[in-house]
C-alpha atoms as a PDB file:
ATOM      1  CA  UNK A   1      16.211 -25.232-118.582  1.00  0.00           C
ATOM      2  CA  UNK A   2      15.839 -21.973-119.759  1.00  0.00           C
ATOM      3  CA  UNK A   3      17.205 -19.012-117.499  1.00  0.00           C
ATOM      4  CA  UNK A   4      13.453 -18.131-117.436  1.00  0.00           C
ATOM      5  CA  UNK A   5      12.162 -20.429-115.528  1.00  0.00           C
ATOM      6  CA  UNK A   6      14.547 -20.316-112.442  1.00  0.00           C
ATOM      7  CA  UNK A   7      14.905 -16.886-110.797  1.00  0.00           C
ATOM      8  CA  UNK A   8      16.957 -15.688-107.563  1.00  0.00           C
ATOM      9  CA  UNK A   9      15.544 -12.573-106.208  1.00  0.00           C
ATOM     10  CA  UNK A  10      19.156 -11.381-104.662  1.00  0.00           C
ATOM     11  CA  UNK A  11      20.888  -8.814-103.005  1.00  0.00           C
ATOM     12  CA  UNK A  12      24.829  -9.021-103.607  1.00  0.00           C
ATOM     13  CA  UNK A  13      25.754  -8.320 -99.919  1.00  0.00           C
ATOM     14  CA  UNK A  14      24.064 -10.959 -98.061  1.00  0.00           C
ATOM     15  CA  UNK A  15      25.455 -14.021 -97.173  1.00  0.00           C
ATOM     16  CA  UNK A  16      21.942 -16.224 -97.568  1.00  0.00           C
ATOM     17  CA  UNK A  17      21.957 -15.270-100.838  1.00  0.00           C
ATOM     18  CA  UNK A  18      25.731 -16.163-101.237  1.00  0.00           C
ATOM     19  CA  UNK A  19      25.131 -19.798 -99.687  1.00  0.00           C
ATOM     20  CA  UNK A  20      22.005 -20.194-102.829  1.00  0.00           C
ATOM     21  CA  UNK A  21      24.128 -18.728-104.941  1.00  0.00           C
ATOM     22  CA  UNK A  22      26.741 -21.172-104.205  1.00  0.00           C
ATOM     23  CA  UNK A  23      24.365 -24.319-103.878  1.00  0.00           C
ATOM     24  CA  UNK A  24      23.163 -23.625-107.234  1.00  0.00           C
ATOM     25  CA  UNK A  25      27.123 -23.314-109.064  1.00  0.00           C
ATOM     26  CA  UNK A  26      27.655 -26.665-107.243  1.00  0.00           C
ATOM     27  CA  UNK A  27      24.726 -27.894-109.010  1.00  0.00           C
ATOM     28  CA  UNK A  28      25.716 -26.273-112.593  1.00  0.00           C
ATOM     29  CA  UNK A  29      22.086 -24.616-112.719  1.00  0.00           C
ATOM     30  CA  UNK A  30      21.762 -21.732-114.751  1.00  0.00           C
ATOM     31  CA  UNK A  31      19.255 -19.312-113.680  1.00  0.00           C
ATOM     32  CA  UNK A  32      18.370 -15.611-113.686  1.00  0.00           C
ATOM     33  CA  UNK A  33      19.418 -13.123-110.541  1.00  0.00           C
ATOM     34  CA  UNK A  34      17.569 -10.206-110.032  1.00  0.00           C
ATOM     35  CA  UNK A  35      19.070  -7.856-108.053  1.00  0.00           C
ATOM     36  CA  UNK A  36      16.720  -6.188-104.947  1.00  0.00           C
ATOM     37  CA  UNK A  37      17.331  -2.913-103.883  1.00  0.00           C
ATOM     38  CA  UNK A  38      17.245  -3.399-100.728  1.00  0.00           C
ATOM     39  CA  UNK A  39      18.010  -0.006 -99.405  1.00  0.00           C
ATOM     40  CA  UNK A  40      15.885   1.865-101.979  1.00  0.00           C
ATOM     41  CA  UNK A  41      13.002  -0.081-102.033  1.00  0.00           C
ATOM     42  CA  UNK A  42      11.948  -3.694-102.509  1.00  0.00           C
ATOM     43  CA  UNK A  43      10.443  -5.070-106.004  1.00  0.00           C
ATOM     44  CA  UNK A  44       6.790  -5.726-106.358  1.00  0.00           C
ATOM     45  CA  UNK A  45       7.975  -9.520-107.041  1.00  0.00           C
ATOM     46  CA  UNK A  46      10.192  -9.989-103.598  1.00  0.00           C
ATOM     47  CA  UNK A  47       7.129  -8.692-101.813  1.00  0.00           C
ATOM     48  CA  UNK A  48       4.549 -10.728-103.681  1.00  0.00           C
ATOM     49  CA  UNK A  49       6.792 -13.891-103.538  1.00  0.00           C
ATOM     50  CA  UNK A  50       7.925 -13.326 -99.574  1.00  0.00           C
ATOM     51  CA  UNK A  51       5.047 -11.292 -97.903  1.00  0.00           C
ATOM     52  CA  UNK A  52       5.854 -12.212 -94.738  1.00  0.00           C
ATOM     53  CA  UNK A  53       8.877 -11.528 -94.038  1.00  0.00           C
ATOM     54  CA  UNK A  54       9.596  -9.958 -97.143  1.00  0.00           C
ATOM     55  CA  UNK A  55      13.522 -10.762 -97.420  1.00  0.00           C
ATOM     56  CA  UNK A  56      15.903 -12.045-100.147  1.00  0.00           C
ATOM     57  CA  UNK A  57      16.661 -14.643-100.690  1.00  0.00           C
ATOM     58  CA  UNK A  58      13.647 -16.013-103.093  1.00  0.00           C
ATOM     59  CA  UNK A  59      14.007 -18.504-105.607  1.00  0.00           C
ATOM     60  CA  UNK A  60      11.128 -18.701-108.471  1.00  0.00           C
ATOM     61  CA  UNK A  61      11.120 -22.071-109.923  1.00  0.00           C
ATOM     62  CA  UNK A  62       8.525 -21.465-112.576  1.00  0.00           C
ATOM     63  CA  UNK A  63       6.665 -18.804-110.344  1.00  0.00           C
ATOM     64  CA  UNK A  64       6.437 -20.959-107.384  1.00  0.00           C
ATOM     65  CA  UNK A  65       8.392 -19.521-104.747  1.00  0.00           C
ATOM     66  CA  UNK A  66      10.778 -21.234-102.001  1.00  0.00           C
ATOM     67  CA  UNK A  67      12.158 -18.913 -99.388  1.00  0.00           C
ATOM     68  CA  UNK A  68      14.653 -18.638 -96.620  1.00  0.00           C
ATOM     69  CA  UNK A  69      17.974 -19.975 -97.652  1.00  0.00           C
ATOM     70  CA  UNK A  70      18.135 -23.242 -95.956  1.00  0.00           C
ATOM     71  CA  UNK A  71      14.953 -24.405 -97.743  1.00  0.00           C
ATOM     72  CA  UNK A  72      16.418 -23.237-101.335  1.00  0.00           C
ATOM     73  CA  UNK A  73      19.504 -25.296-100.614  1.00  0.00           C
ATOM     74  CA  UNK A  74      17.400 -28.768 -99.617  1.00  0.00           C
ATOM     75  CA  UNK A  75      15.428 -27.960-102.967  1.00  0.00           C
ATOM     76  CA  UNK A  76      17.990 -27.450-105.120  1.00  0.00           C
ATOM     77  CA  UNK A  77      19.822 -30.338-103.935  1.00  0.00           C
ATOM     78  CA  UNK A  78      16.613 -32.367-103.826  1.00  0.00           C
ATOM     79  CA  UNK A  79      15.850 -31.260-107.489  1.00  0.00           C
ATOM     80  CA  UNK A  80      19.248 -31.444-109.018  1.00  0.00           C
ATOM     81  CA  UNK A  81      20.619 -34.913-107.740  1.00  0.00           C
ATOM     82  CA  UNK A  82      24.368 -35.298-109.104  1.00  0.00           C
ATOM     83  CA  UNK A  83      27.382 -36.576-107.349  1.00  0.00           C
ATOM     84  CA  UNK A  84      28.329 -33.298-105.334  1.00  0.00           C
ATOM     85  CA  UNK A  85      25.470 -33.662-102.240  1.00  0.00           C
ATOM     86  CA  UNK A  86      24.886 -30.383-100.928  1.00  0.00           C
ATOM     87  CA  UNK A  87      23.644 -31.872 -97.652  1.00  0.00           C
ATOM     88  CA  UNK A  88      23.832 -35.504 -95.621  1.00  0.00           C
ATOM     89  CA  UNK A  89      22.066 -37.923 -97.189  1.00  0.00           C
ATOM     90  CA  UNK A  90      20.652 -39.256 -93.818  1.00  0.00           C
ATOM     91  CA  UNK A  91      18.401 -36.530 -92.861  1.00  0.00           C
ATOM     92  CA  UNK A  92      16.770 -36.130 -96.451  1.00  0.00           C
ATOM     93  CA  UNK A  93      16.698 -40.067 -96.161  1.00  0.00           C
ATOM     94  CA  UNK A  94      14.497 -39.555 -93.283  1.00  0.00           C
ATOM     95  CA  UNK A  95      11.651 -37.867 -95.041  1.00  0.00           C
ATOM     96  CA  UNK A  96      12.229 -39.573 -98.649  1.00  0.00           C
ATOM     97  CA  UNK A  97      11.782 -42.997 -97.814  1.00  0.00           C
ATOM     98  CA  UNK A  98       9.825 -45.705 -95.711  1.00  0.00           C
ATOM     99  CA  UNK A  99      10.697 -48.912 -94.182  1.00  0.00           C
ATOM    100  CA  UNK A 100      13.737 -50.358 -93.958  1.00  0.00           C
ATOM    101  CA  UNK A 101      15.318 -47.424 -96.262  1.00  0.00           C
ATOM    102  CA  UNK A 102      13.842 -44.947 -93.436  1.00  0.00           C
ATOM    103  CA  UNK A 103      15.182 -47.441 -90.773  1.00  0.00           C
ATOM    104  CA  UNK A 104      18.472 -46.879 -91.767  1.00  0.00           C
ATOM    105  CA  UNK A 105      18.104 -43.069 -92.361  1.00  0.00           C
ATOM    106  CA  UNK A 106      17.249 -42.726 -88.801  1.00  0.00           C
ATOM    107  CA  UNK A 107      20.284 -44.638 -87.549  1.00  0.00           C
ATOM    108  CA  UNK A 108      22.980 -42.859 -89.569  1.00  0.00           C
ATOM    109  CA  UNK A 109      21.375 -39.358 -88.424  1.00  0.00           C
ATOM    110  CA  UNK A 110      21.740 -40.567 -85.150  1.00  0.00           C
ATOM    111  CA  UNK A 111      25.162 -42.165 -85.625  1.00  0.00           C
ATOM    112  CA  UNK A 112      26.070 -38.419 -86.894  1.00  0.00           C
ATOM    113  CA  UNK A 113      24.830 -36.493 -83.989  1.00  0.00           C
ATOM    114  CA  UNK A 114      26.450 -38.870 -81.277  1.00  0.00           C
ATOM    115  CA  UNK A 115      29.364 -38.331 -83.350  1.00  0.00           C
ATOM    116  CA  UNK A 116      29.136 -34.591 -82.956  1.00  0.00           C
ATOM    117  CA  UNK A 117      28.287 -35.146 -79.319  1.00  0.00           C
ATOM    118  CA  UNK A 118      31.118 -36.702 -78.996  1.00  0.00           C
ATOM    119  CA  UNK A 119      32.872 -33.608 -80.248  1.00  0.00           C
ATOM    120  CA  UNK A 120      31.775 -31.164 -78.331  1.00  0.00           C
ATOM    121  CA  UNK A 121      33.038 -33.149 -74.913  1.00  0.00           C
ATOM    122  CA  UNK A 122      32.220 -31.443 -72.141  1.00  0.00           C
ATOM    123  CA  UNK A 123      31.669 -28.143 -73.330  1.00  0.00           C
ATOM    124  CA  UNK A 124      28.410 -25.454 -74.154  1.00  0.00           C
ATOM    125  CA  UNK A 125      29.285 -24.916 -77.647  1.00  0.00           C
ATOM    126  CA  UNK A 126      32.029 -26.648 -80.460  1.00  0.00           C
ATOM    127  CA  UNK A 127      34.194 -24.273 -80.040  1.00  0.00           C
ATOM    128  CA  UNK A 128      34.176 -24.764 -76.459  1.00  0.00           C
ATOM    129  CA  UNK A 129      32.690 -22.039 -73.459  1.00  0.00           C
ATOM    130  CA  UNK A 130      31.630 -19.756 -76.360  1.00  0.00           C
ATOM    131  CA  UNK A 131      28.985 -19.992 -79.013  1.00  0.00           C
ATOM    132  CA  UNK A 132      31.635 -20.303 -82.346  1.00  0.00           C
ATOM    133  CA  UNK A 133      31.683 -21.036 -85.909  1.00  0.00           C
ATOM    134  CA  UNK A 134      30.765 -24.430 -86.010  1.00  0.00           C
ATOM    135  CA  UNK A 135      27.901 -24.111 -83.862  1.00  0.00           C
ATOM    136  CA  UNK A 136      27.004 -20.906 -86.190  1.00  0.00           C
ATOM    137  CA  UNK A 137      27.720 -23.601 -89.228  1.00  0.00           C
ATOM    138  CA  UNK A 138      25.854 -26.809 -87.263  1.00  0.00           C
ATOM    139  CA  UNK A 139      23.063 -24.671 -85.712  1.00  0.00           C
ATOM    140  CA  UNK A 140      21.422 -24.288 -89.145  1.00  0.00           C
ATOM    141  CA  UNK A 141      20.667 -27.555 -90.028  1.00  0.00           C
ATOM    142  CA  UNK A 142      18.133 -27.571 -87.107  1.00  0.00           C
ATOM    143  CA  UNK A 143      15.590 -26.312 -88.177  1.00  0.00           C
ATOM    144  CA  UNK A 144      14.789 -29.549 -90.077  1.00  0.00           C
ATOM    145  CA  UNK A 145      14.611 -31.311 -87.200  1.00  0.00           C
ATOM    146  CA  UNK A 146      10.849 -31.573 -86.292  1.00  0.00           C
ATOM    147  CA  UNK A 147      10.307 -32.733 -89.488  1.00  0.00           C
ATOM    148  CA  UNK A 148      12.882 -35.898 -89.229  1.00  0.00           C
ATOM    149  CA  UNK A 149      11.464 -36.160 -85.619  1.00  0.00           C
ATOM    150  CA  UNK A 150       7.898 -36.635 -87.265  1.00  0.00           C
ATOM    151  CA  UNK A 151       8.636 -38.654 -90.117  1.00  0.00           C
ATOM    152  CA  UNK A 152      11.098 -40.849 -88.548  1.00  0.00           C
ATOM    153  CA  UNK A 153       9.201 -41.606 -85.915  1.00  0.00           C
ATOM    154  CA  UNK A 154      11.864 -40.112 -83.025  1.00  0.00           C
ATOM    155  CA  UNK A 155      13.081 -37.566 -80.915  1.00  0.00           C
ATOM    156  CA  UNK A 156      16.656 -35.882 -81.341  1.00  0.00           C
ATOM    157  CA  UNK A 157      16.337 -34.593 -77.897  1.00  0.00           C
ATOM    158  CA  UNK A 158      15.599 -38.292 -76.722  1.00  0.00           C
ATOM    159  CA  UNK A 159      18.125 -40.061 -78.582  1.00  0.00           C
ATOM    160  CA  UNK A 160      21.027 -37.507 -78.256  1.00  0.00           C
ATOM    161  CA  UNK A 161      20.009 -35.364 -75.299  1.00  0.00           C
ATOM    162  CA  UNK A 162      23.582 -33.443 -75.160  1.00  0.00           C
ATOM    163  CA  UNK A 163      22.943 -32.583 -78.340  1.00  0.00           C
ATOM    164  CA  UNK A 164      19.081 -31.477 -77.713  1.00  0.00           C
ATOM    165  CA  UNK A 165      20.908 -29.117 -75.125  1.00  0.00           C
ATOM    166  CA  UNK A 166      23.115 -27.371 -77.028  1.00  0.00           C
ATOM    167  CA  UNK A 167      20.248 -26.638 -79.902  1.00  0.00           C
ATOM    168  CA  UNK A 168      17.978 -24.897 -76.660  1.00  0.00           C
ATOM    169  CA  UNK A 169      20.952 -23.179 -75.698  1.00  0.00           C
ATOM    170  CA  UNK A 170      21.716 -21.815 -79.042  1.00  0.00           C
ATOM    171  CA  UNK A 171      18.327 -20.632 -79.679  1.00  0.00           C
ATOM    172  CA  UNK A 172      18.327 -18.561 -76.418  1.00  0.00           C
ATOM    173  CA  UNK A 173      20.459 -16.512 -78.692  1.00  0.00           C
ATOM    174  CA  UNK A 174      18.787 -13.720 -80.129  1.00  0.00           C
ATOM    175  CA  UNK A 175      21.652 -14.003 -83.288  1.00  0.00           C
ATOM    176  CA  UNK A 176      20.124 -17.884 -83.637  1.00  0.00           C
ATOM    177  CA  UNK A 177      16.508 -16.914 -82.794  1.00  0.00           C
ATOM    178  CA  UNK A 178      16.141 -14.482 -85.356  1.00  0.00           C
ATOM    179  CA  UNK A 179      17.185 -16.222 -88.066  1.00  0.00           C
ATOM    180  CA  UNK A 180      16.244 -19.837 -88.077  1.00  0.00           C
ATOM    181  CA  UNK A 181      13.112 -20.654 -89.848  1.00  0.00           C
ATOM    182  CA  UNK A 182      10.090 -21.713 -87.494  1.00  0.00           C
ATOM    183  CA  UNK A 183      10.477 -25.492 -87.717  1.00  0.00           C
ATOM    184  CA  UNK A 184       6.476 -25.622 -88.123  1.00  0.00           C
ATOM    185  CA  UNK A 185       7.031 -23.823 -91.354  1.00  0.00           C
ATOM    186  CA  UNK A 186      10.113 -25.985 -92.571  1.00  0.00           C
ATOM    187  CA  UNK A 187       8.024 -29.123 -92.072  1.00  0.00           C
ATOM    188  CA  UNK A 188       5.422 -27.240 -94.281  1.00  0.00           C
ATOM    189  CA  UNK A 189       8.077 -27.494 -96.939  1.00  0.00           C
ATOM    190  CA  UNK A 190       9.180 -30.850 -96.271  1.00  0.00           C
ATOM    191  CA  UNK A 191       5.381 -32.056 -96.748  1.00  0.00           C
ATOM    192  CA  UNK A 192       5.596 -30.409-100.079  1.00  0.00           C
ATOM    193  CA  UNK A 193       8.926 -32.158-101.154  1.00  0.00           C
ATOM    194  CA  UNK A 194       7.047 -35.287-100.568  1.00  0.00           C
ATOM    195  CA  UNK A 195       4.128 -34.475-102.447  1.00  0.00           C
ATOM    196  CA  UNK A 196       6.267 -33.708-104.975  1.00  0.00           C
ATOM    197  CA  UNK A 197       8.001 -36.978-104.691  1.00  0.00           C
ATOM    198  CA  UNK A 198       4.661 -38.923-104.221  1.00  0.00           C
ATOM    199  CA  UNK A 199       5.307 -40.143-100.838  1.00  0.00           C
ATOM    200  CA  UNK A 200       2.634 -40.808 -98.873  1.00  0.00           C
END
């Protein structure tokens, strides 16, 4: 793949862009980086590629824009298969499979969440009484749970009520609610990924 085919609209200090760049490096994918001057104006390409939020990162794959760092990392992991999987395979298995494979992926996914519930114990957060590092890492993945619920035919909050309560507790924090993408938007992204894979 030539560098011109994959372009990242980037800002050097953005941790969200760093997340994407780490993912691309782990997959050993060549790309062109276009630095955005967030303090001195945004490029027309950024405004056209992400017209709603006008934010980086944006990954352009042959001109097709993928926005939000979580979505981009999922996209990278899916498009560039390698032994180094960036994301838990059970979650991906829910939307990528059918029949028996789907059931296995669902069971594995719920098992992981139950382990996380156990790790939390009786506390409100993984770090205890205060929202902390593990919560920051884990909550980012939950914006995909709506898609898992729809394609998996289950509800996370019913299978793992304690984890469901933790998600709601985290979403009350402005730091979380202002950053996490709309689950419906993520669901539409997954619909697109399923079409790309020929999954009905």
